[in-house]
Amino acid sequence: MAISRKQEERLLTEDEWHLVRQSHHPAIQGVSDEDLLKLVKQVRERRDRSQAEAHRQRREIRGKSAPKGVEPTRKDIGTRAKLEILAMSMRRLNGEHARRRKMHGKAQLVSNMRAALAAKHASKTERDETYNSRHALEGMQSIESARRKSLMRPMERGRLRKAGAVAQAKRDSR
């Protein structure tokens, strides 16, 4: 069930609310990468602390541990709700971190591909034309094929061809 921001603000302390508020959509876009990592760390610490507290309270309610205060805890609804809010905040922050990492990876890949293409074009233009001529110094040189190279291994192609032939023979024998 969704928890409104007003409920979040009511259930969390001021520090926790400030951290969780930064994890919501419009605000998270303005957070820098370094600040996002710090925010993830802080929210994770708060979530772990809240998780430990909720676990302790559940043990008190079941009677498995001694009460922390004067009286044993009777309900842990607020602690569970707080834990749920912090967990949802962690999910949002981790998603944003993964999105940014993927975006940076794609940008890096594009720049590497452009550099490789530029290097390929540069190597073709810098090559001496007399070196690869058919009447060069030490005999004929091989000419690069304009055809694309097949990515499939010849052994695999043969295996598939034979499998097709066997299947066709089975159908023909019926």
N, C-alpha and C. Protein backbone atom coordinates (compact mmCIF):
# COMPACT_ATOMS: atom_id res chain seq x y z
N MET A 1 0.84 -1.18 0.00
CA MET A 1 0.00 0.00 0.00
C MET A 1 0.89 1.24 0.00
N ALA A 2 0.52 2.22 -0.79
CA ALA A 2 1.31 3.43 -0.90
C ALA A 2 1.16 4.28 0.36
N ILE A 3 2.26 4.95 0.69
CA ILE A 3 2.28 5.81 1.86
C ILE A 3 2.45 7.24 1.36
N SER A 4 1.57 8.13 1.77
CA SER A 4 1.64 9.51 1.30
C SER A 4 2.83 10.23 1.95
N ARG A 5 3.21 11.31 1.35
CA ARG A 5 4.34 12.08 1.90
C ARG A 5 4.00 12.67 3.27
N LYS A 6 2.73 13.01 3.46
CA LYS A 6 2.31 13.54 4.75
C LYS A 6 2.47 12.48 5.84
N GLN A 7 2.10 11.22 5.52
CA GLN A 7 2.27 10.13 6.48
C GLN A 7 3.76 9.87 6.74
N GLU A 8 4.55 9.94 5.67
CA GLU A 8 6.00 9.75 5.84
C GLU A 8 6.56 10.79 6.79
N GLU A 9 6.17 12.03 6.58
CA GLU A 9 6.68 13.11 7.42
C GLU A 9 6.26 12.91 8.88
N ARG A 10 5.06 12.41 9.09
CA ARG A 10 4.55 12.19 10.45
C ARG A 10 5.30 11.05 11.15
N LEU A 11 5.64 9.99 10.41
CA LEU A 11 6.25 8.82 11.02
C LEU A 11 7.77 8.94 11.24
N LEU A 12 8.42 9.82 10.48
CA LEU A 12 9.88 9.91 10.54
C LEU A 12 10.33 11.09 11.39
N THR A 13 11.58 11.00 11.86
CA THR A 13 12.17 12.15 12.56
C THR A 13 12.54 13.20 11.52
N GLU A 14 12.90 14.37 11.98
CA GLU A 14 13.23 15.47 11.07
C GLU A 14 14.41 15.11 10.17
N ASP A 15 15.46 14.51 10.73
CA ASP A 15 16.64 14.12 9.94
C ASP A 15 16.26 13.08 8.90
N GLU A 16 15.50 12.07 9.33
CA GLU A 16 15.10 11.01 8.40
C GLU A 16 14.20 11.55 7.30
N TRP A 17 13.30 12.45 7.66
CA TRP A 17 12.40 13.03 6.66
C TRP A 17 13.19 13.83 5.63
N HIS A 18 14.21 14.54 6.09
CA HIS A 18 15.05 15.30 5.15
C HIS A 18 15.74 14.36 4.16
N LEU A 19 16.22 13.21 4.64
CA LEU A 19 16.88 12.24 3.75
C LEU A 19 15.88 11.61 2.78
N VAL A 20 14.72 11.21 3.29
CA VAL A 20 13.72 10.53 2.45
C VAL A 20 13.15 11.50 1.43
N ARG A 21 12.97 12.76 1.81
CA ARG A 21 12.43 13.76 0.88
C ARG A 21 13.34 13.91 -0.33
N GLN A 22 14.66 13.77 -0.14
CA GLN A 22 15.59 13.89 -1.27
C GLN A 22 15.52 12.69 -2.21
N SER A 23 14.92 11.58 -1.75
CA SER A 23 14.86 10.39 -2.59
C SER A 23 13.63 10.38 -3.51
N HIS A 24 12.71 11.34 -3.33
CA HIS A 24 11.54 11.39 -4.20
C HIS A 24 11.90 12.02 -5.54
N HIS A 25 11.03 11.82 -6.54
CA HIS A 25 11.37 12.08 -7.93
C HIS A 25 11.94 13.45 -8.28
N PRO A 26 11.27 14.53 -8.11
CA PRO A 26 11.90 15.75 -8.65
C PRO A 26 13.21 16.09 -7.95
N ALA A 27 13.29 15.82 -6.66
CA ALA A 27 14.48 16.20 -5.90
C ALA A 27 15.67 15.31 -6.23
N ILE A 28 15.44 14.05 -6.52
CA ILE A 28 16.55 13.12 -6.75
C ILE A 28 17.30 13.44 -8.03
N GLN A 29 16.62 14.08 -8.99
CA GLN A 29 17.28 14.42 -10.25
C GLN A 29 18.35 15.49 -10.06
N GLY A 30 18.16 16.35 -9.07
CA GLY A 30 19.11 17.43 -8.84
C GLY A 30 20.29 17.06 -7.97
N VAL A 31 20.31 15.84 -7.44
CA VAL A 31 21.39 15.41 -6.55
C VAL A 31 22.57 14.95 -7.39
N SER A 32 23.77 15.41 -7.04
CA SER A 32 24.97 15.00 -7.78
C SER A 32 25.30 13.54 -7.47
N ASP A 33 26.19 12.95 -8.27
CA ASP A 33 26.54 11.54 -8.09
C ASP A 33 27.19 11.29 -6.73
N GLU A 34 28.09 12.19 -6.31
CA GLU A 34 28.76 12.01 -5.01
C GLU A 34 27.75 12.12 -3.87
N ASP A 35 26.86 13.11 -3.98
CA ASP A 35 25.85 13.28 -2.94
C ASP A 35 24.87 12.12 -2.92
N LEU A 36 24.60 11.54 -4.10
CA LEU A 36 23.71 10.39 -4.16
C LEU A 36 24.31 9.20 -3.41
N LEU A 37 25.61 8.99 -3.57
CA LEU A 37 26.27 7.89 -2.86
C LEU A 37 26.23 8.12 -1.34
N LYS A 38 26.45 9.36 -0.92
CA LYS A 38 26.38 9.69 0.52
C LYS A 38 24.96 9.48 1.04
N LEU A 39 23.97 9.90 0.24
CA LEU A 39 22.58 9.75 0.63
C LEU A 39 22.21 8.27 0.76
N VAL A 40 22.67 7.46 -0.17
CA VAL A 40 22.40 6.01 -0.11
C VAL A 40 22.98 5.43 1.18
N LYS A 41 24.20 5.84 1.51
CA LYS A 41 24.84 5.33 2.72
C LYS A 41 24.06 5.73 3.97
N GLN A 42 23.65 7.00 4.04
CA GLN A 42 22.93 7.48 5.22
C GLN A 42 21.57 6.80 5.37
N VAL A 43 20.84 6.68 4.27
CA VAL A 43 19.52 6.04 4.34
C VAL A 43 19.67 4.57 4.69
N ARG A 44 20.71 3.91 4.17
CA ARG A 44 20.94 2.50 4.49
C ARG A 44 21.20 2.32 5.99
N GLU A 45 22.00 3.23 6.57
CA GLU A 45 22.27 3.16 8.01
C GLU A 45 20.98 3.33 8.81
N ARG A 46 20.15 4.31 8.42
CA ARG A 46 18.89 4.54 9.12
C ARG A 46 17.96 3.33 8.98
N ARG A 47 17.91 2.77 7.77
CA ARG A 47 17.05 1.61 7.54
C ARG A 47 17.50 0.41 8.38
N ASP A 48 18.82 0.18 8.43
CA ASP A 48 19.34 -0.94 9.22
C ASP A 48 19.04 -0.75 10.70
N ARG A 49 19.19 0.48 11.18
CA ARG A 49 18.90 0.75 12.58
C ARG A 49 17.42 0.53 12.87
N SER A 50 16.56 0.99 11.97
CA SER A 50 15.13 0.80 12.14
C SER A 50 14.75 -0.67 12.05
N GLN A 51 15.43 -1.40 11.20
CA GLN A 51 15.18 -2.84 11.06
C GLN A 51 15.54 -3.58 12.35
N ALA A 52 16.66 -3.21 12.93
CA ALA A 52 17.08 -3.84 14.19
C ALA A 52 16.08 -3.51 15.31
N GLU A 53 15.61 -2.28 15.33
CA GLU A 53 14.63 -1.88 16.34
C GLU A 53 13.32 -2.64 16.17
N ALA A 54 12.86 -2.78 14.93
CA ALA A 54 11.62 -3.51 14.67
C ALA A 54 11.78 -4.98 15.05
N HIS A 55 12.93 -5.55 14.79
CA HIS A 55 13.18 -6.95 15.15
C HIS A 55 13.16 -7.11 16.67
N ARG A 56 13.79 -6.17 17.38
CA ARG A 56 13.81 -6.22 18.85
C ARG A 56 12.40 -6.12 19.40
N GLN A 57 11.60 -5.19 18.85
CA GLN A 57 10.23 -5.01 19.33
C GLN A 57 9.38 -6.25 19.07
N ARG A 58 9.56 -6.88 17.92
CA ARG A 58 8.80 -8.10 17.63
C ARG A 58 9.15 -9.21 18.61
N ARG A 59 10.42 -9.30 18.98
CA ARG A 59 10.84 -10.31 19.96
C ARG A 59 10.22 -10.01 21.33
N GLU A 60 10.15 -8.72 21.67
CA GLU A 60 9.52 -8.34 22.95
C GLU A 60 8.05 -8.70 22.95
N ILE A 61 7.36 -8.44 21.85
CA ILE A 61 5.93 -8.73 21.77
C ILE A 61 5.68 -10.23 21.92
N ARG A 62 6.52 -11.04 21.32
CA ARG A 62 6.36 -12.50 21.41
C ARG A 62 6.82 -13.03 22.76
N GLY A 63 7.51 -12.19 23.54
CA GLY A 63 7.98 -12.61 24.85
C GLY A 63 9.29 -13.36 24.81
N LYS A 64 10.05 -13.23 23.75
CA LYS A 64 11.31 -13.97 23.62
C LYS A 64 12.49 -13.19 24.19
N SER A 65 12.32 -11.89 24.43
CA SER A 65 13.43 -11.12 25.00
C SER A 65 12.89 -10.20 26.10
N ALA A 66 13.82 -9.74 26.92
CA ALA A 66 13.44 -8.84 28.01
C ALA A 66 13.10 -7.47 27.43
N PRO A 67 12.17 -6.75 28.06
CA PRO A 67 11.81 -5.43 27.54
C PRO A 67 12.97 -4.45 27.69
N LYS A 68 13.08 -3.56 26.72
CA LYS A 68 14.16 -2.57 26.74
C LYS A 68 13.85 -1.48 27.78
N GLY A 69 12.61 -1.07 27.84
CA GLY A 69 12.21 -0.03 28.79
C GLY A 69 11.60 -0.63 30.04
N VAL A 70 10.80 0.18 30.74
CA VAL A 70 10.14 -0.27 31.96
C VAL A 70 9.06 -1.28 31.63
N GLU A 71 8.29 -0.97 30.58
CA GLU A 71 7.21 -1.86 30.16
C GLU A 71 7.54 -2.48 28.81
N PRO A 72 7.11 -3.69 28.58
CA PRO A 72 7.37 -4.30 27.26
C PRO A 72 6.55 -3.63 26.16
N THR A 73 7.04 -3.70 24.96
CA THR A 73 6.35 -3.11 23.82
C THR A 73 5.09 -3.91 23.51
N ARG A 74 4.00 -3.20 23.21
CA ARG A 74 2.74 -3.88 22.90
C ARG A 74 2.48 -3.91 21.39
N LYS A 75 2.88 -2.88 20.68
CA LYS A 75 2.66 -2.80 19.23
C LYS A 75 3.93 -2.29 18.56
N ASP A 76 4.13 -2.71 17.32
CA ASP A 76 5.28 -2.20 16.57
C ASP A 76 4.85 -1.65 15.21
N ILE A 77 3.63 -1.16 15.14
CA ILE A 77 3.08 -0.67 13.87
C ILE A 77 3.88 0.52 13.35
N GLY A 78 4.18 1.48 14.21
CA GLY A 78 4.93 2.66 13.79
C GLY A 78 6.33 2.31 13.33
N THR A 79 6.98 1.39 14.02
CA THR A 79 8.33 0.99 13.65
C THR A 79 8.33 0.27 12.31
N ARG A 80 7.33 -0.59 12.09
CA ARG A 80 7.25 -1.30 10.80
C ARG A 80 6.98 -0.33 9.66
N ALA A 81 6.11 0.66 9.90
CA ALA A 81 5.81 1.65 8.86
C ALA A 81 7.05 2.47 8.55
N LYS A 82 7.80 2.84 9.58
CA LYS A 82 9.04 3.60 9.39
C LYS A 82 10.03 2.77 8.58
N LEU A 83 10.15 1.49 8.90
CA LEU A 83 11.04 0.60 8.17
C LEU A 83 10.61 0.50 6.71
N GLU A 84 9.31 0.41 6.46
CA GLU A 84 8.81 0.32 5.10
C GLU A 84 9.13 1.59 4.30
N ILE A 85 8.99 2.74 4.94
CA ILE A 85 9.29 4.02 4.28
C ILE A 85 10.77 4.08 3.92
N LEU A 86 11.62 3.72 4.86
CA LEU A 86 13.06 3.77 4.59
C LEU A 86 13.46 2.74 3.53
N ALA A 87 12.81 1.59 3.51
CA ALA A 87 13.11 0.57 2.49
C ALA A 87 12.68 1.05 1.11
N MET A 88 11.52 1.70 1.03
CA MET A 88 11.09 2.25 -0.27
C MET A 88 12.04 3.34 -0.74
N SER A 89 12.52 4.14 0.19
CA SER A 89 13.48 5.18 -0.15
C SER A 89 14.77 4.56 -0.68
N MET A 90 15.23 3.49 -0.05
CA MET A 90 16.43 2.77 -0.52
C MET A 90 16.20 2.24 -1.93
N ARG A 91 15.01 1.69 -2.19
CA ARG A 91 14.69 1.17 -3.51
C ARG A 91 14.78 2.27 -4.56
N ARG A 92 14.23 3.44 -4.25
CA ARG A 92 14.28 4.57 -5.19
C ARG A 92 15.72 5.01 -5.43
N LEU A 93 16.49 5.12 -4.35
CA LEU A 93 17.88 5.56 -4.48
C LEU A 93 18.72 4.55 -5.26
N ASN A 94 18.54 3.27 -4.98
CA ASN A 94 19.29 2.25 -5.71
C ASN A 94 18.91 2.24 -7.18
N GLY A 95 17.63 2.45 -7.47
CA GLY A 95 17.18 2.52 -8.87
C GLY A 95 17.80 3.69 -9.60
N GLU A 96 17.84 4.83 -8.94
CA GLU A 96 18.44 6.02 -9.56
C GLU A 96 19.93 5.83 -9.76
N HIS A 97 20.59 5.21 -8.78
CA HIS A 97 22.03 4.95 -8.92
C HIS A 97 22.30 4.01 -10.09
N ALA A 98 21.49 2.96 -10.22
CA ALA A 98 21.64 2.01 -11.33
C ALA A 98 21.36 2.69 -12.66
N ARG A 99 20.35 3.56 -12.70
CA ARG A 99 20.02 4.28 -13.93
C ARG A 99 21.17 5.16 -14.37
N ARG A 100 21.76 5.88 -13.42
CA ARG A 100 22.89 6.75 -13.76
C ARG A 100 24.11 5.96 -14.20
N ARG A 101 24.36 4.84 -13.52
CA ARG A 101 25.51 4.00 -13.89
C ARG A 101 25.33 3.45 -15.31
N LYS A 102 24.11 3.05 -15.64
CA LYS A 102 23.83 2.53 -16.98
C LYS A 102 23.98 3.64 -18.02
N MET A 103 23.52 4.84 -17.68
CA MET A 103 23.61 5.96 -18.60
C MET A 103 25.08 6.33 -18.86
N HIS A 104 25.90 6.34 -17.79
CA HIS A 104 27.32 6.65 -17.96
C HIS A 104 28.01 5.55 -18.77
N GLY A 105 27.61 4.30 -18.56
CA GLY A 105 28.19 3.19 -19.32
C GLY A 105 27.88 3.31 -20.80
N LYS A 106 26.64 3.69 -21.13
CA LYS A 106 26.27 3.86 -22.53
C LYS A 106 27.05 5.01 -23.17
N ALA A 107 27.19 6.11 -22.44
CA ALA A 107 27.94 7.25 -22.97
C ALA A 107 29.40 6.87 -23.19
N GLN A 108 29.97 6.11 -22.26
CA GLN A 108 31.36 5.66 -22.40
C GLN A 108 31.50 4.73 -23.60
N LEU A 109 30.54 3.85 -23.79
CA LEU A 109 30.57 2.93 -24.92
C LEU A 109 30.52 3.67 -26.24
N VAL A 110 29.65 4.67 -26.33
CA VAL A 110 29.54 5.46 -27.56
C VAL A 110 30.85 6.19 -27.84
N SER A 111 31.45 6.78 -26.81
CA SER A 111 32.71 7.51 -27.04
C SER A 111 33.82 6.55 -27.46
N ASN A 112 33.86 5.35 -26.85
CA ASN A 112 34.87 4.36 -27.25
C ASN A 112 34.67 3.90 -28.68
N MET A 113 33.40 3.71 -29.08
CA MET A 113 33.13 3.28 -30.45
C MET A 113 33.51 4.36 -31.46
N ARG A 114 33.24 5.61 -31.10
CA ARG A 114 33.62 6.71 -32.00
C ARG A 114 35.14 6.81 -32.14
N ALA A 115 35.86 6.62 -31.02
CA ALA A 115 37.32 6.66 -31.07
C ALA A 115 37.87 5.51 -31.92
N ALA A 116 37.26 4.32 -31.79
CA ALA A 116 37.70 3.17 -32.57
C ALA A 116 37.43 3.39 -34.05
N LEU A 117 36.29 3.98 -34.38
CA LEU A 117 35.98 4.25 -35.78
C LEU A 117 36.93 5.29 -36.35
N ALA A 118 37.25 6.31 -35.58
CA ALA A 118 38.20 7.32 -36.04
C ALA A 118 39.58 6.71 -36.25
N ALA A 119 39.99 5.82 -35.35
CA ALA A 119 41.29 5.15 -35.50
C ALA A 119 41.29 4.26 -36.74
N LYS A 120 40.18 3.61 -37.02
CA LYS A 120 40.09 2.75 -38.20
C LYS A 120 40.20 3.57 -39.47
N HIS A 121 39.48 4.69 -39.50
CA HIS A 121 39.57 5.55 -40.69
C HIS A 121 40.96 6.16 -40.84
N ALA A 122 41.57 6.51 -39.72
CA ALA A 122 42.91 7.09 -39.78
C ALA A 122 43.93 6.07 -40.29
N SER A 123 43.77 4.81 -39.88
CA SER A 123 44.73 3.80 -40.33
C SER A 123 44.59 3.51 -41.81
N LYS A 124 43.39 3.61 -42.36
CA LYS A 124 43.21 3.38 -43.79
C LYS A 124 43.77 4.52 -44.62
N THR A 125 43.66 5.75 -44.15
CA THR A 125 44.15 6.88 -44.93
C THR A 125 45.67 7.03 -44.81
N GLU A 126 46.25 6.59 -43.71
CA GLU A 126 47.69 6.75 -43.54
C GLU A 126 48.49 5.67 -44.25
N ARG A 127 47.84 4.58 -44.64
CA ARG A 127 48.54 3.47 -45.26
C ARG A 127 49.10 3.91 -46.62
N ASP A 128 50.32 3.52 -46.88
CA ASP A 128 50.97 3.86 -48.15
C ASP A 128 50.36 3.01 -49.24
N GLU A 129 49.91 3.65 -50.31
CA GLU A 129 49.23 2.93 -51.39
C GLU A 129 50.18 1.99 -52.13
N THR A 130 51.46 2.33 -52.23
CA THR A 130 52.39 1.47 -52.97
C THR A 130 52.69 0.18 -52.20
N TYR A 131 52.52 0.20 -50.88
CA TYR A 131 52.82 -0.99 -50.08
C TYR A 131 51.85 -2.12 -50.40
N ASN A 132 50.58 -1.81 -50.58
CA ASN A 132 49.59 -2.85 -50.79
C ASN A 132 49.19 -2.96 -52.26
N SER A 133 50.04 -2.51 -53.15
CA SER A 133 49.70 -2.64 -54.57
C SER A 133 50.04 -4.05 -55.03
N ARG A 134 49.50 -4.42 -56.13
CA ARG A 134 49.70 -5.78 -56.62
C ARG A 134 51.10 -5.96 -57.20
N HIS A 135 51.86 -4.90 -57.39
CA HIS A 135 53.22 -5.00 -57.93
C HIS A 135 54.24 -4.49 -56.94
N ALA A 136 53.98 -4.71 -55.66
CA ALA A 136 54.86 -4.17 -54.64
C ALA A 136 56.17 -4.94 -54.60
N LEU A 137 57.04 -4.54 -53.67
CA LEU A 137 58.42 -5.00 -53.62
C LEU A 137 58.58 -6.53 -53.63
N GLU A 138 57.89 -7.22 -52.76
CA GLU A 138 58.13 -8.65 -52.59
C GLU A 138 56.96 -9.49 -53.08
N GLY A 139 56.37 -9.15 -54.16
CA GLY A 139 55.29 -9.94 -54.69
C GLY A 139 53.94 -9.34 -54.36
N MET A 140 52.92 -10.10 -54.67
CA MET A 140 51.56 -9.60 -54.49
C MET A 140 51.16 -9.64 -53.02
N GLN A 141 50.38 -8.68 -52.61
CA GLN A 141 49.88 -8.60 -51.25
C GLN A 141 48.39 -8.93 -51.25
N SER A 142 47.91 -9.44 -50.16
CA SER A 142 46.49 -9.78 -50.10
C SER A 142 45.65 -8.50 -50.07
N ILE A 143 44.50 -8.57 -50.68
CA ILE A 143 43.58 -7.44 -50.71
C ILE A 143 42.46 -7.75 -49.73
N GLU A 144 42.13 -6.78 -48.90
CA GLU A 144 41.08 -6.97 -47.91
C GLU A 144 39.76 -7.25 -48.60
N SER A 145 39.04 -8.23 -48.09
CA SER A 145 37.74 -8.57 -48.65
C SER A 145 36.72 -7.54 -48.23
N ALA A 146 35.84 -7.17 -49.16
CA ALA A 146 34.79 -6.20 -48.85
C ALA A 146 33.61 -6.89 -48.17
N ARG A 147 33.55 -8.23 -48.25
CA ARG A 147 32.45 -8.97 -47.64
C ARG A 147 32.61 -8.98 -46.13
N ARG A 148 31.46 -9.00 -45.46
CA ARG A 148 31.51 -9.10 -44.01
C ARG A 148 31.89 -10.50 -43.60
N LYS A 149 32.58 -10.61 -42.48
CA LYS A 149 32.96 -11.92 -41.97
C LYS A 149 31.78 -12.50 -41.22
N SER A 150 31.58 -13.79 -41.37
CA SER A 150 30.49 -14.47 -40.69
C SER A 150 30.87 -14.64 -39.22
N LEU A 151 29.92 -14.39 -38.35
CA LEU A 151 30.17 -14.53 -36.92
C LEU A 151 29.94 -15.97 -36.45
N MET A 152 29.34 -16.79 -37.31
CA MET A 152 29.04 -18.16 -36.92
C MET A 152 30.24 -19.05 -37.24
N ARG A 153 30.58 -19.93 -36.31
CA ARG A 153 31.69 -20.85 -36.53
C ARG A 153 31.30 -21.86 -37.60
N PRO A 154 32.21 -22.23 -38.47
CA PRO A 154 31.88 -23.20 -39.53
C PRO A 154 31.40 -24.54 -38.96
N MET A 155 31.97 -24.94 -37.82
CA MET A 155 31.58 -26.20 -37.20
C MET A 155 30.10 -26.14 -36.79
N GLU A 156 29.68 -25.01 -36.27
CA GLU A 156 28.29 -24.85 -35.86
C GLU A 156 27.37 -24.88 -37.08
N ARG A 157 27.78 -24.23 -38.16
CA ARG A 157 26.98 -24.21 -39.37
C ARG A 157 26.78 -25.64 -39.90
N GLY A 158 27.86 -26.43 -39.88
CA GLY A 158 27.78 -27.82 -40.34
C GLY A 158 26.87 -28.65 -39.45
N ARG A 159 26.96 -28.42 -38.15
CA ARG A 159 26.13 -29.16 -37.22
C ARG A 159 24.65 -28.88 -37.48
N LEU A 160 24.31 -27.60 -37.69
CA LEU A 160 22.93 -27.24 -37.95
C LEU A 160 22.44 -27.79 -39.28
N ARG A 161 23.30 -27.78 -40.30
CA ARG A 161 22.94 -28.32 -41.61
C ARG A 161 22.65 -29.81 -41.50
N LYS A 162 23.50 -30.53 -40.76
CA LYS A 162 23.31 -31.97 -40.59
C LYS A 162 22.04 -32.25 -39.79
N ALA A 163 21.76 -31.46 -38.76
CA ALA A 163 20.55 -31.64 -37.97
C ALA A 163 19.32 -31.43 -38.84
N GLY A 164 19.36 -30.44 -39.72
CA GLY A 164 18.25 -30.21 -40.65
C GLY A 164 18.06 -31.37 -41.60
N ALA A 165 19.17 -31.93 -42.08
CA ALA A 165 19.09 -33.06 -43.01
C ALA A 165 18.50 -34.29 -42.32
N VAL A 166 18.89 -34.54 -41.08
CA VAL A 166 18.36 -35.68 -40.34
C VAL A 166 16.87 -35.50 -40.10
N ALA A 167 16.45 -34.29 -39.72
CA ALA A 167 15.03 -34.02 -39.48
C ALA A 167 14.23 -34.21 -40.76
N GLN A 168 14.77 -33.75 -41.89
CA GLN A 168 14.07 -33.90 -43.18
C GLN A 168 13.97 -35.40 -43.54
N ALA A 169 15.02 -36.16 -43.29
CA ALA A 169 14.99 -37.60 -43.59
C ALA A 169 13.92 -38.30 -42.74
N LYS A 170 13.79 -37.91 -41.49
CA LYS A 170 12.77 -38.50 -40.64
C LYS A 170 11.37 -38.20 -41.19
N ARG A 171 11.17 -36.96 -41.63
CA ARG A 171 9.86 -36.59 -42.18
C ARG A 171 9.58 -37.35 -43.48
N ASP A 172 10.60 -37.51 -44.31
CA ASP A 172 10.43 -38.19 -45.59
C ASP A 172 10.15 -39.68 -45.41
N SER A 173 10.66 -40.28 -44.35
CA SER A 173 10.48 -41.73 -44.16
C SER A 173 9.10 -42.09 -43.61
N ARG A 174 8.33 -41.14 -43.20
CA ARG A 174 7.00 -41.42 -42.65
C ARG A 174 6.04 -41.86 -43.72
